[in-house]
Amino acid sequence: MSKEQERADAGAVRADLVRRVAAIEWRSSPARLIDEIDQIRRIARANGMLPALVVAQQLERALARGDHGPIVHAWLGMLGEAVASERQDAAASDTFAAACQVRFVA
């Protein structure tokens, strides 16, 4: 596969995940949210999108803790930022993980 094709494929995956995140209704039931986030996490993992993967994992933990309402909306915003990030490497992943800790856990 050529570099050009790889970039096109990565762009298509990113566009799909951006659409999926935008379509999530944050007022949905926790079970539905968990399923949707799980799908996004799996796609991110399969495509090496490390920031999206780490934020999706953090969001799954938040939902498991019982977080709901506006805080979930904020988590989805962070997930959208991670998916749309031009950088999908380990350093960017670490940055998003730290941002999650500061923004949502502290």
N, C-alpha and C. Protein backbone atom coordinates (compact mmCIF):
# COMPACT_ATOMS: atom_id res chain seq x y z
N MET A 1 0.86 -1.17 0.00
CA MET A 1 0.00 0.00 0.00
C MET A 1 0.90 1.24 0.00
N SER A 2 0.57 2.19 -0.84
CA SER A 2 1.37 3.41 -0.93
C SER A 2 1.07 4.34 0.24
N LYS A 3 2.00 5.24 0.48
CA LYS A 3 1.82 6.24 1.55
C LYS A 3 0.57 7.07 1.30
N GLU A 4 0.34 7.37 0.04
CA GLU A 4 -0.84 8.17 -0.32
C GLU A 4 -2.13 7.42 0.04
N GLN A 5 -2.17 6.12 -0.24
CA GLN A 5 -3.33 5.30 0.09
C GLN A 5 -3.49 5.19 1.61
N GLU A 6 -2.37 5.04 2.33
CA GLU A 6 -2.43 4.95 3.80
C GLU A 6 -3.02 6.24 4.38
N ARG A 7 -2.60 7.39 3.86
CA ARG A 7 -3.13 8.66 4.33
C ARG A 7 -4.62 8.78 4.03
N ALA A 8 -5.02 8.33 2.85
CA ALA A 8 -6.44 8.38 2.48
C ALA A 8 -7.25 7.47 3.40
N ASP A 9 -6.73 6.28 3.67
CA ASP A 9 -7.42 5.35 4.57
C ASP A 9 -7.52 5.93 5.98
N ALA A 10 -6.43 6.51 6.47
CA ALA A 10 -6.44 7.12 7.80
C ALA A 10 -7.44 8.27 7.86
N GLY A 11 -7.51 9.04 6.79
CA GLY A 11 -8.47 10.14 6.73
C GLY A 11 -9.90 9.64 6.76
N ALA A 12 -10.16 8.53 6.07
CA ALA A 12 -11.51 7.97 6.05
C ALA A 12 -11.89 7.44 7.44
N VAL A 13 -10.95 6.80 8.11
CA VAL A 13 -11.21 6.30 9.47
C VAL A 13 -11.47 7.47 10.40
N ARG A 14 -10.63 8.50 10.32
CA ARG A 14 -10.80 9.68 11.17
C ARG A 14 -12.17 10.32 10.93
N ALA A 15 -12.57 10.45 9.66
CA ALA A 15 -13.87 11.04 9.33
C ALA A 15 -15.01 10.20 9.90
N ASP A 16 -14.87 8.88 9.81
CA ASP A 16 -15.90 8.00 10.37
C ASP A 16 -16.00 8.18 11.88
N LEU A 17 -14.86 8.24 12.55
CA LEU A 17 -14.91 8.39 14.01
C LEU A 17 -15.42 9.76 14.43
N VAL A 18 -15.06 10.80 13.69
CA VAL A 18 -15.59 12.14 13.98
C VAL A 18 -17.11 12.10 13.86
N ARG A 19 -17.62 11.46 12.82
CA ARG A 19 -19.07 11.34 12.62
C ARG A 19 -19.71 10.56 13.77
N ARG A 20 -19.07 9.46 14.17
CA ARG A 20 -19.61 8.64 15.25
C ARG A 20 -19.68 9.42 16.57
N VAL A 21 -18.61 10.14 16.88
CA VAL A 21 -18.59 10.92 18.13
C VAL A 21 -19.68 11.99 18.09
N ALA A 22 -19.78 12.69 16.97
CA ALA A 22 -20.78 13.76 16.84
C ALA A 22 -22.20 13.22 16.94
N ALA A 23 -22.41 11.97 16.53
CA ALA A 23 -23.76 11.39 16.52
C ALA A 23 -24.18 10.84 17.88
N ILE A 24 -23.25 10.72 18.81
CA ILE A 24 -23.60 10.16 20.12
C ILE A 24 -24.49 11.13 20.87
N GLU A 25 -25.56 10.63 21.33
CA GLU A 25 -26.48 11.43 22.16
C GLU A 25 -26.06 11.24 23.61
N TRP A 26 -25.48 12.27 24.19
CA TRP A 26 -24.92 12.13 25.53
C TRP A 26 -25.98 11.93 26.60
N ARG A 27 -27.23 12.14 26.24
CA ARG A 27 -28.31 11.90 27.20
C ARG A 27 -28.83 10.47 27.11
N SER A 28 -28.20 9.67 26.24
CA SER A 28 -28.62 8.27 26.07
C SER A 28 -28.41 7.48 27.35
N SER A 29 -28.97 6.29 27.35
CA SER A 29 -28.77 5.41 28.51
C SER A 29 -27.29 5.04 28.61
N PRO A 30 -26.83 4.77 29.83
CA PRO A 30 -25.42 4.37 29.99
C PRO A 30 -25.04 3.17 29.14
N ALA A 31 -25.94 2.18 29.02
CA ALA A 31 -25.63 0.99 28.23
C ALA A 31 -25.38 1.36 26.76
N ARG A 32 -26.21 2.23 26.23
CA ARG A 32 -26.03 2.63 24.83
C ARG A 32 -24.74 3.43 24.66
N LEU A 33 -24.47 4.34 25.58
CA LEU A 33 -23.22 5.11 25.52
C LEU A 33 -22.02 4.19 25.57
N ILE A 34 -22.04 3.22 26.48
CA ILE A 34 -20.92 2.30 26.62
C ILE A 34 -20.69 1.54 25.33
N ASP A 35 -21.76 1.09 24.69
CA ASP A 35 -21.64 0.36 23.43
C ASP A 35 -21.03 1.24 22.34
N GLU A 36 -21.49 2.46 22.24
CA GLU A 36 -20.99 3.36 21.21
C GLU A 36 -19.52 3.71 21.44
N ILE A 37 -19.16 3.97 22.69
CA ILE A 37 -17.77 4.28 23.02
C ILE A 37 -16.88 3.06 22.79
N ASP A 38 -17.39 1.88 23.10
CA ASP A 38 -16.63 0.64 22.87
C ASP A 38 -16.32 0.48 21.38
N GLN A 39 -17.29 0.74 20.53
CA GLN A 39 -17.07 0.64 19.09
C GLN A 39 -15.99 1.62 18.63
N ILE A 40 -16.06 2.85 19.13
CA ILE A 40 -15.07 3.87 18.78
C ILE A 40 -13.69 3.44 19.28
N ARG A 41 -13.62 2.92 20.50
CA ARG A 41 -12.34 2.48 21.07
C ARG A 41 -11.73 1.37 20.22
N ARG A 42 -12.55 0.42 19.81
CA ARG A 42 -12.05 -0.70 18.99
C ARG A 42 -11.50 -0.22 17.65
N ILE A 43 -12.20 0.69 17.01
CA ILE A 43 -11.74 1.23 15.73
C ILE A 43 -10.45 2.01 15.93
N ALA A 44 -10.40 2.82 16.98
CA ALA A 44 -9.19 3.60 17.26
C ALA A 44 -8.00 2.67 17.49
N ARG A 45 -8.20 1.61 18.29
CA ARG A 45 -7.11 0.66 18.55
C ARG A 45 -6.65 0.00 17.26
N ALA A 46 -7.58 -0.45 16.44
CA ALA A 46 -7.23 -1.15 15.21
C ALA A 46 -6.48 -0.27 14.22
N ASN A 47 -6.64 1.05 14.36
CA ASN A 47 -6.03 1.98 13.42
C ASN A 47 -4.90 2.79 14.03
N GLY A 48 -4.45 2.41 15.21
CA GLY A 48 -3.31 3.09 15.83
C GLY A 48 -3.56 4.53 16.22
N MET A 49 -4.82 4.85 16.51
CA MET A 49 -5.18 6.22 16.90
C MET A 49 -5.10 6.31 18.42
N LEU A 50 -3.87 6.46 18.91
CA LEU A 50 -3.61 6.35 20.35
C LEU A 50 -4.32 7.40 21.20
N PRO A 51 -4.36 8.68 20.82
CA PRO A 51 -5.10 9.64 21.64
C PRO A 51 -6.59 9.29 21.76
N ALA A 52 -7.19 8.90 20.65
CA ALA A 52 -8.61 8.52 20.68
C ALA A 52 -8.80 7.29 21.56
N LEU A 53 -7.88 6.35 21.48
CA LEU A 53 -7.95 5.15 22.30
C LEU A 53 -7.90 5.49 23.78
N VAL A 54 -6.95 6.32 24.18
CA VAL A 54 -6.80 6.63 25.61
C VAL A 54 -7.99 7.42 26.15
N VAL A 55 -8.51 8.34 25.36
CA VAL A 55 -9.68 9.11 25.83
C VAL A 55 -10.91 8.21 25.89
N ALA A 56 -11.08 7.33 24.91
CA ALA A 56 -12.22 6.41 24.95
C ALA A 56 -12.14 5.50 26.18
N GLN A 57 -10.95 5.04 26.51
CA GLN A 57 -10.78 4.21 27.70
C GLN A 57 -11.14 5.00 28.97
N GLN A 58 -10.69 6.23 29.05
CA GLN A 58 -10.99 7.08 30.21
C GLN A 58 -12.50 7.34 30.29
N LEU A 59 -13.13 7.57 29.15
CA LEU A 59 -14.57 7.80 29.12
C LEU A 59 -15.33 6.55 29.57
N GLU A 60 -14.88 5.39 29.14
CA GLU A 60 -15.51 4.14 29.59
C GLU A 60 -15.41 4.01 31.11
N ARG A 61 -14.27 4.37 31.67
CA ARG A 61 -14.11 4.31 33.13
C ARG A 61 -15.05 5.29 33.82
N ALA A 62 -15.19 6.48 33.25
CA ALA A 62 -16.09 7.48 33.82
C ALA A 62 -17.53 6.98 33.82
N LEU A 63 -17.94 6.37 32.73
CA LEU A 63 -19.30 5.82 32.66
C LEU A 63 -19.48 4.68 33.67
N ALA A 64 -18.44 3.87 33.83
CA ALA A 64 -18.51 2.77 34.81
C ALA A 64 -18.62 3.31 36.24
N ARG A 65 -18.03 4.49 36.49
CA ARG A 65 -18.13 5.13 37.81
C ARG A 65 -19.50 5.74 38.05
N GLY A 66 -20.26 5.87 36.96
CA GLY A 66 -21.58 6.46 37.10
C GLY A 66 -21.67 7.91 36.65
N ASP A 67 -20.61 8.43 36.05
CA ASP A 67 -20.67 9.79 35.53
C ASP A 67 -21.79 9.87 34.49
N HIS A 68 -22.49 11.00 34.48
CA HIS A 68 -23.58 11.19 33.53
C HIS A 68 -23.83 12.68 33.34
N GLY A 69 -24.71 13.00 32.41
CA GLY A 69 -25.10 14.38 32.17
C GLY A 69 -24.02 15.21 31.52
N PRO A 70 -23.91 16.48 31.92
CA PRO A 70 -22.98 17.41 31.27
C PRO A 70 -21.52 16.96 31.30
N ILE A 71 -21.11 16.23 32.33
CA ILE A 71 -19.72 15.78 32.36
C ILE A 71 -19.45 14.80 31.22
N VAL A 72 -20.43 13.97 30.87
CA VAL A 72 -20.27 13.05 29.73
C VAL A 72 -20.19 13.85 28.44
N HIS A 73 -20.95 14.91 28.35
CA HIS A 73 -20.88 15.79 27.18
C HIS A 73 -19.46 16.35 27.05
N ALA A 74 -18.85 16.75 28.15
CA ALA A 74 -17.48 17.27 28.14
C ALA A 74 -16.49 16.17 27.72
N TRP A 75 -16.70 14.95 28.23
CA TRP A 75 -15.85 13.83 27.83
C TRP A 75 -15.95 13.60 26.33
N LEU A 76 -17.15 13.67 25.79
CA LEU A 76 -17.33 13.47 24.35
C LEU A 76 -16.62 14.55 23.55
N GLY A 77 -16.60 15.77 24.08
CA GLY A 77 -15.85 16.84 23.43
C GLY A 77 -14.37 16.52 23.38
N MET A 78 -13.83 16.01 24.48
CA MET A 78 -12.42 15.62 24.51
C MET A 78 -12.16 14.48 23.54
N LEU A 79 -13.08 13.52 23.46
CA LEU A 79 -12.93 12.41 22.53
C LEU A 79 -12.91 12.92 21.09
N GLY A 80 -13.79 13.85 20.79
CA GLY A 80 -13.80 14.45 19.45
C GLY A 80 -12.48 15.12 19.12
N GLU A 81 -11.90 15.82 20.10
CA GLU A 81 -10.60 16.46 19.89
C GLU A 81 -9.51 15.42 19.64
N ALA A 82 -9.55 14.33 20.39
CA ALA A 82 -8.54 13.28 20.23
C ALA A 82 -8.65 12.61 18.86
N VAL A 83 -9.86 12.35 18.42
CA VAL A 83 -10.08 11.74 17.11
C VAL A 83 -9.58 12.66 16.00
N ALA A 84 -9.86 13.94 16.12
CA ALA A 84 -9.51 14.90 15.08
C ALA A 84 -8.04 15.32 15.10
N SER A 85 -7.31 14.96 16.14
CA SER A 85 -5.92 15.37 16.27
C SER A 85 -5.09 14.88 15.09
N GLU A 86 -4.27 15.77 14.58
CA GLU A 86 -3.36 15.39 13.49
C GLU A 86 -2.32 14.39 13.97
N ARG A 87 -1.94 14.50 15.22
CA ARG A 87 -0.95 13.59 15.79
C ARG A 87 -1.66 12.44 16.48
N GLN A 88 -1.25 11.24 16.13
CA GLN A 88 -1.85 10.05 16.72
C GLN A 88 -0.77 9.15 17.31
N ASP A 89 0.30 9.77 17.81
CA ASP A 89 1.43 9.01 18.34
C ASP A 89 1.37 8.92 19.86
N ALA A 90 2.36 8.24 20.44
CA ALA A 90 2.39 8.01 21.89
C ALA A 90 2.50 9.32 22.67
N ALA A 91 3.28 10.26 22.17
CA ALA A 91 3.42 11.54 22.88
C ALA A 91 2.09 12.29 22.91
N ALA A 92 1.36 12.28 21.81
CA ALA A 92 0.05 12.93 21.78
C ALA A 92 -0.92 12.21 22.71
N SER A 93 -0.81 10.89 22.74
CA SER A 93 -1.65 10.09 23.64
C SER A 93 -1.39 10.47 25.10
N ASP A 94 -0.12 10.61 25.46
CA ASP A 94 0.24 11.01 26.82
C ASP A 94 -0.32 12.39 27.16
N THR A 95 -0.28 13.28 26.19
CA THR A 95 -0.81 14.63 26.40
C THR A 95 -2.32 14.59 26.64
N PHE A 96 -3.03 13.81 25.85
CA PHE A 96 -4.48 13.69 26.04
C PHE A 96 -4.80 13.02 27.37
N ALA A 97 -4.02 12.02 27.76
CA ALA A 97 -4.25 11.35 29.05
C ALA A 97 -4.07 12.34 30.20
N ALA A 98 -3.02 13.16 30.11
CA ALA A 98 -2.79 14.17 31.15
C ALA A 98 -3.92 15.19 31.17
N ALA A 99 -4.39 15.59 30.00
CA ALA A 99 -5.49 16.56 29.93
C ALA A 99 -6.76 15.97 30.56
N CYS A 100 -7.01 14.69 30.33
CA CYS A 100 -8.17 14.04 30.95
C CYS A 100 -8.03 14.07 32.47
N GLN A 101 -6.85 13.79 32.97
CA GLN A 101 -6.65 13.78 34.41
C GLN A 101 -6.89 15.18 35.01
N VAL A 102 -6.39 16.19 34.35
CA VAL A 102 -6.54 17.55 34.86
C VAL A 102 -7.98 18.01 34.75
N ARG A 103 -8.60 17.76 33.60
CA ARG A 103 -9.92 18.29 33.31
C ARG A 103 -11.03 17.55 34.04
N PHE A 104 -10.90 16.24 34.18
CA PHE A 104 -12.04 15.45 34.65
C PHE A 104 -11.85 14.74 35.97
N VAL A 105 -10.63 14.48 36.36
CA VAL A 105 -10.42 13.70 37.57
C VAL A 105 -10.08 14.58 38.76
N ALA A 106 -9.31 15.61 38.50
CA ALA A 106 -8.85 16.48 39.60
C ALA A 106 -9.99 17.24 40.23
